[in-house]
Amino acid sequence: MSPEDYSIAASRLCVTCGMCCDGTLFHIVRMQPSDSVATLNVLGLKLKKKKGQNCIEQPCPMLKQQQCSIYSGRPQRCQLFECQLLKRLAEGTITEANAAVTISEARRQVTELLDLIEKSGHHNKRQPLTVRYDRVIAQPVSDDWDPTEVQRREELKMRMRVLQSLLSDEFRPPPQPSPANPQA
């Protein structure tokens, strides 16, 4: 696939996905030294401080209808991020059509999981998926719970395991070996 064809295909796939920006894959995006806080503020992006470092909390407020509203001025980490699916597309080990099917399946799973989270009483859509999930799971189970609530919680746990496996296999970057314990 030519670089131009890859770029066009990647753009089409990214617009159908958005999971790197909507709080599904990540909690925060840390700013890099080359990112201009002032420029990002002018573009409308308000940064937070975490452990003394500027970052964007996910879901990103600049994600509008699965598209970055500050695309040309987005932070460096956003510019450089390429999910495993896109890397495989660039390598030619997956077709755009197959990548689209994987994205569609992941989006379906996310939607179903979010529906279960909502039904479990957590409605804050401005938090990352795993934070919302953790808040539901952290609620202690009570003996007076309706059996459907207990069943919903078990289904939620199972669906989260399945989704996390899919996200790790197809989207998230692989874990980096520790410098003290490099892998061969």
Protein backbone atom coordinates (compact mmCIF):
# COMPACT_ATOMS: atom_id res chain seq x y z
CA MET A 1 0.00 0.00 0.00
CA SER A 2 1.41 3.37 -0.96
CA PRO A 3 1.87 5.99 1.78
CA GLU A 4 -0.91 8.09 0.21
CA ASP A 5 -3.32 5.13 0.05
CA TYR A 6 -2.45 4.23 3.63
CA SER A 7 -3.09 7.80 4.81
CA ILE A 8 -6.52 7.87 3.14
CA ALA A 9 -7.49 4.44 4.49
CA ALA A 10 -6.23 5.31 7.98
CA SER A 11 -8.27 8.51 7.99
CA ARG A 12 -11.42 6.60 7.04
CA LEU A 13 -10.81 4.06 9.79
CA CYS A 14 -9.97 6.64 12.46
CA VAL A 15 -13.20 8.55 11.83
CA THR A 16 -15.19 5.36 12.45
CA CYS A 17 -13.22 4.53 15.59
CA GLY A 18 -12.17 7.39 17.87
CA MET A 19 -11.35 5.06 20.77
CA CYS A 20 -7.95 6.65 21.33
CA CYS A 21 -9.74 9.92 22.12
CA ASP A 22 -13.07 8.91 23.67
CA GLY A 23 -11.75 7.39 26.91
CA THR A 24 -11.91 3.79 25.73
CA LEU A 25 -8.17 3.16 25.28
CA PHE A 26 -6.60 5.79 27.53
CA HIS A 27 -7.31 7.86 30.66
CA ILE A 28 -5.03 10.80 29.85
CA VAL A 29 -2.68 12.10 27.17
CA ARG A 30 0.48 13.69 28.55
CA MET A 31 1.79 16.77 26.79
CA GLN A 32 5.29 16.74 25.37
CA PRO A 33 7.92 19.52 25.63
CA SER A 34 7.22 20.54 22.02
CA ASP A 35 3.48 21.09 22.73
CA SER A 36 2.52 24.73 23.22
CA VAL A 37 0.09 25.04 26.11
CA ALA A 38 -0.80 28.57 24.98
CA THR A 39 -1.59 27.43 21.44
CA LEU A 40 -3.68 24.51 22.69
CA ASN A 41 -5.58 26.89 24.98
CA VAL A 42 -6.26 29.24 22.04
CA LEU A 43 -7.63 26.24 20.12
CA GLY A 44 -10.01 25.65 23.04
CA LEU A 45 -8.27 22.76 24.74
CA LYS A 46 -8.05 23.22 28.48
CA LEU A 47 -5.25 21.16 29.98
CA LYS A 48 -5.16 19.64 33.45
CA LYS A 49 -2.14 19.07 35.66
CA LYS A 50 -1.40 15.51 36.79
CA LYS A 51 1.72 14.96 38.87
CA GLY A 52 3.00 18.36 37.74
CA GLN A 53 2.61 17.56 34.05
CA ASN A 54 0.10 19.04 31.59
CA CYS A 55 -2.29 16.52 30.12
CA ILE A 56 -5.65 16.03 28.45
CA GLU A 57 -8.13 13.99 30.42
CA GLN A 58 -10.08 11.51 28.35
CA PRO A 59 -12.56 11.59 26.79
CA CYS A 60 -10.96 14.45 24.91
CA PRO A 61 -13.25 17.48 24.74
CA MET A 62 -11.96 18.19 21.23
CA LEU A 63 -13.44 14.95 19.85
CA LYS A 64 -16.59 15.95 18.00
CA GLN A 65 -18.56 13.31 16.06
CA GLN A 66 -15.57 10.94 16.02
CA GLN A 67 -13.27 13.65 14.64
CA CYS A 68 -10.64 15.85 16.23
CA SER A 69 -11.82 19.46 16.08
CA ILE A 70 -8.21 20.71 16.40
CA TYR A 71 -6.63 18.08 14.14
CA SER A 72 -3.98 20.31 12.53
CA GLY A 73 -2.93 21.68 15.94
CA ARG A 74 -3.34 18.55 18.04
CA PRO A 75 -0.66 17.61 20.59
CA GLN A 76 2.44 15.67 19.54
CA ARG A 77 1.38 12.42 21.25
CA CYS A 78 -1.88 12.53 19.31
CA GLN A 79 0.01 13.14 16.07
CA LEU A 80 2.35 10.21 16.68
CA PHE A 81 -0.11 7.64 18.03
CA GLU A 82 -0.85 4.77 15.71
CA CYS A 83 -2.91 1.86 17.02
CA GLN A 84 -1.90 -1.74 16.32
CA LEU A 85 -4.68 -2.02 13.74
CA LEU A 86 -3.25 0.87 11.71
CA LYS A 87 0.26 -0.54 12.00
CA ARG A 88 -0.97 -3.85 10.60
CA LEU A 89 -2.74 -1.98 7.79
CA ALA A 90 0.53 -0.20 6.92
CA GLU A 91 2.39 -3.53 6.98
CA GLY A 92 -0.21 -5.09 4.71
CA THR A 93 -1.13 -7.83 7.20
CA ILE A 94 -4.75 -6.66 7.36
CA THR A 95 -7.03 -5.06 4.79
CA GLU A 96 -8.97 -1.87 5.34
CA ALA A 97 -12.20 -3.88 5.15
CA ASN A 98 -11.06 -6.31 7.84
CA ALA A 99 -9.82 -3.44 10.01
CA ALA A 100 -13.24 -1.79 9.65
CA VAL A 101 -14.92 -5.01 10.83
CA THR A 102 -12.63 -5.09 13.89
CA ILE A 103 -13.43 -1.46 14.68
CA SER A 104 -17.14 -2.10 14.26
CA GLU A 105 -16.97 -5.06 16.66
CA ALA A 106 -15.00 -3.06 19.23
CA ARG A 107 -17.44 -0.12 18.98
CA ARG A 108 -20.37 -2.53 19.42
CA GLN A 109 -18.77 -4.00 22.54
CA VAL A 110 -18.05 -0.53 23.96
CA THR A 111 -21.65 0.57 23.34
CA GLU A 112 -23.04 -2.51 25.06
CA LEU A 113 -20.67 -2.12 27.99
CA LEU A 114 -21.55 1.56 28.41
CA ASP A 115 -25.24 0.64 28.33
CA LEU A 116 -24.68 -1.81 31.20
CA ILE A 117 -22.71 0.81 33.12
CA GLU A 118 -25.56 3.31 32.67
CA LYS A 119 -28.11 0.72 33.82
CA SER A 120 -25.93 0.15 36.87
CA GLY A 121 -26.34 3.80 37.84
CA HIS A 122 -23.15 5.47 36.63
CA HIS A 123 -24.04 8.31 34.25
CA ASN A 124 -20.91 10.49 34.12
CA LYS A 125 -19.97 10.41 30.43
CA ARG A 126 -16.98 12.68 31.02
CA GLN A 127 -14.93 9.88 32.54
CA PRO A 128 -12.87 7.20 30.78
CA LEU A 129 -14.55 3.83 30.28
CA THR A 130 -12.46 1.98 32.86
CA VAL A 131 -13.06 4.65 35.51
CA ARG A 132 -16.81 4.36 34.98
CA TYR A 133 -16.56 0.57 35.11
CA ASP A 134 -14.41 0.62 38.27
CA ARG A 135 -16.92 2.89 40.01
CA VAL A 136 -19.75 0.45 39.30
CA ILE A 137 -17.70 -2.58 40.37
CA ALA A 138 -16.55 -0.80 43.55
CA GLN A 139 -20.12 -0.63 44.82
CA PRO A 140 -20.44 -3.31 47.48
CA VAL A 141 -22.84 -6.11 46.70
CA SER A 142 -25.73 -6.16 49.12
CA ASP A 143 -27.85 -9.13 50.23
CA ASP A 144 -30.96 -7.17 49.32
CA TRP A 145 -29.91 -6.63 45.70
CA ASP A 146 -32.37 -7.68 43.06
CA PRO A 147 -31.03 -10.82 41.28
CA THR A 148 -31.03 -8.91 37.98
CA GLU A 149 -28.54 -6.42 39.48
CA VAL A 150 -26.24 -9.26 40.52
CA GLN A 151 -26.55 -10.79 37.05
CA ARG A 152 -25.89 -7.39 35.40
CA ARG A 153 -22.71 -6.99 37.43
CA GLU A 154 -21.44 -10.43 36.39
CA GLU A 155 -22.28 -9.68 32.76
CA LEU A 156 -20.47 -6.35 33.07
CA LYS A 157 -17.33 -8.07 34.38
CA MET A 158 -17.41 -10.65 31.60
CA ARG A 159 -17.95 -8.05 28.87
CA MET A 160 -15.15 -5.87 30.22
CA ARG A 161 -12.72 -8.82 30.13
CA VAL A 162 -13.70 -9.58 26.52
CA LEU A 163 -13.40 -5.93 25.48
CA GLN A 164 -10.05 -5.42 27.22
CA SER A 165 -8.69 -8.48 25.45
CA LEU A 166 -9.83 -7.14 22.07
CA LEU A 167 -8.39 -3.67 22.80
CA SER A 168 -5.05 -5.15 23.89
CA ASP A 169 -4.84 -7.46 20.88
CA GLU A 170 -5.94 -5.01 18.19
CA PHE A 171 -5.53 -1.42 19.33
CA ARG A 172 -3.23 -0.69 22.27
CA PRO A 173 0.51 -0.53 21.77
CA PRO A 174 2.25 -3.65 23.07
CA PRO A 175 3.85 -3.33 26.50
CA GLN A 176 7.38 -1.98 26.37
CA PRO A 177 10.10 -4.13 27.96
CA SER A 178 11.53 -2.74 31.15
CA PRO A 179 15.11 -1.42 30.72
CA ALA A 180 16.12 -3.48 33.75
CA ASN A 181 14.50 -6.61 32.31
CA PRO A 182 14.65 -6.43 28.49
CA GLN A 183 12.87 -9.15 26.56
CA ALA A 184 14.65 -10.95 23.77
